[in-house]
Amino acid sequence: MAQHNHTIRIAAKSELEALKKLEALQTLADNITAENLKLLADKSKTVGINAKIQLFKSYI
């Protein structure tokens, strides 16, 4: 599959946190379809989503 380079802005408290987010985003982009990434992006706007992920992360 062709690869394309794009620049993104990542909100983070430190450079280390930004690098961790970048690495996670790259992994998601490599392994999940565009449709499912869109679904995750839409669901990520839900209030309290981080708490829900922490609660159910053992099931993922």
C-alpha atoms as a PDB file:
ATOM      1  CA  MET A   1       0.000   0.000   0.000  1.00  0.00           C
ATOM      2  CA  ALA A   2       1.250   3.498  -0.781  1.00  0.00           C
ATOM      3  CA  GLN A   3       2.442   5.669   2.070  1.00  0.00           C
ATOM      4  CA  HIS A   4       1.739   9.377   2.379  1.00  0.00           C
ATOM      5  CA  ASN A   5       3.348  11.857   4.758  1.00  0.00           C
ATOM      6  CA  HIS A   6       1.231  14.463   6.527  1.00  0.00           C
ATOM      7  CA  THR A   7       1.877  16.909   9.322  1.00  0.00           C
ATOM      8  CA  ILE A   8      -0.416  16.909  12.353  1.00  0.00           C
ATOM      9  CA  ARG A   9      -0.567  18.962  15.519  1.00  0.00           C
ATOM     10  CA  ILE A  10      -0.677  17.041  18.787  1.00  0.00           C
ATOM     11  CA  ALA A  11      -1.740  18.674  22.032  1.00  0.00           C
ATOM     12  CA  ALA A  12       0.510  17.380  24.818  1.00  0.00           C
ATOM     13  CA  LYS A  13       2.038  18.482  28.109  1.00  0.00           C
ATOM     14  CA  SER A  14       5.520  17.368  27.057  1.00  0.00           C
ATOM     15  CA  GLU A  15       7.501  16.176  24.053  1.00  0.00           C
ATOM     16  CA  LEU A  16       7.472  12.639  25.477  1.00  0.00           C
ATOM     17  CA  GLU A  17       3.674  12.641  25.683  1.00  0.00           C
ATOM     18  CA  ALA A  18       3.458  13.968  22.119  1.00  0.00           C
ATOM     19  CA  LEU A  19       5.751  11.196  20.857  1.00  0.00           C
ATOM     20  CA  LYS A  20       3.668   8.549  22.639  1.00  0.00           C
ATOM     21  CA  LYS A  21       0.501   9.936  21.041  1.00  0.00           C
ATOM     22  CA  LEU A  22       2.157  10.058  17.630  1.00  0.00           C
ATOM     23  CA  GLU A  23       3.299   6.450  17.915  1.00  0.00           C
ATOM     24  CA  ALA A  24      -0.189   5.341  18.993  1.00  0.00           C
ATOM     25  CA  LEU A  25      -1.810   7.233  16.119  1.00  0.00           C
ATOM     26  CA  GLN A  26       0.599   5.646  13.644  1.00  0.00           C
ATOM     27  CA  THR A  27      -0.214   2.177  14.976  1.00  0.00           C
ATOM     28  CA  LEU A  28      -3.942   2.860  14.661  1.00  0.00           C
ATOM     29  CA  ALA A  29      -3.519   4.203  11.134  1.00  0.00           C
ATOM     30  CA  ASP A  30      -1.530   1.114  10.122  1.00  0.00           C
ATOM     31  CA  ASN A  31      -4.000  -1.417  11.538  1.00  0.00           C
ATOM     32  CA  ILE A  32      -7.531  -0.004  11.402  1.00  0.00           C
ATOM     33  CA  THR A  33      -9.634   0.875   8.369  1.00  0.00           C
ATOM     34  CA  ALA A  34     -10.433   4.499   7.624  1.00  0.00           C
ATOM     35  CA  GLU A  35     -14.107   3.898   8.443  1.00  0.00           C
ATOM     36  CA  ASN A  36     -13.302   2.479  11.873  1.00  0.00           C
ATOM     37  CA  LEU A  37     -10.820   5.286  12.564  1.00  0.00           C
ATOM     38  CA  LYS A  38     -13.619   7.753  11.771  1.00  0.00           C
ATOM     39  CA  LEU A  39     -15.905   5.904  14.205  1.00  0.00           C
ATOM     40  CA  LEU A  40     -13.236   6.067  16.930  1.00  0.00           C
ATOM     41  CA  ALA A  41     -12.710   9.771  16.262  1.00  0.00           C
ATOM     42  CA  ASP A  42     -16.436  10.462  16.541  1.00  0.00           C
ATOM     43  CA  LYS A  43     -16.762   8.423  19.749  1.00  0.00           C
ATOM     44  CA  SER A  44     -13.685  10.104  21.252  1.00  0.00           C
ATOM     45  CA  LYS A  45     -15.705  13.327  21.545  1.00  0.00           C
ATOM     46  CA  THR A  46     -18.053  11.672  24.063  1.00  0.00           C
ATOM     47  CA  VAL A  47     -17.851  13.142  27.555  1.00  0.00           C
ATOM     48  CA  GLY A  48     -16.063  10.758  29.920  1.00  0.00           C
ATOM     49  CA  ILE A  49     -14.686   8.504  27.184  1.00  0.00           C
ATOM     50  CA  ASN A  50     -11.240   8.207  28.810  1.00  0.00           C
ATOM     51  CA  ALA A  51     -12.812   6.942  32.040  1.00  0.00           C
ATOM     52  CA  LYS A  52     -14.857   4.389  30.074  1.00  0.00           C
ATOM     53  CA  ILE A  53     -11.741   3.180  28.250  1.00  0.00           C
ATOM     54  CA  GLN A  54      -9.894   2.740  31.545  1.00  0.00           C
ATOM     55  CA  LEU A  55     -12.862   0.836  32.986  1.00  0.00           C
ATOM     56  CA  PHE A  56     -13.134  -1.549  30.045  1.00  0.00           C
ATOM     57  CA  LYS A  57      -9.540  -1.744  28.788  1.00  0.00           C
ATOM     58  CA  SER A  58      -9.148  -5.330  29.995  1.00  0.00           C
ATOM     59  CA  TYR A  59     -11.841  -6.358  27.488  1.00  0.00           C
ATOM     60  CA  ILE A  60     -10.173  -4.715  24.501  1.00  0.00           C
END
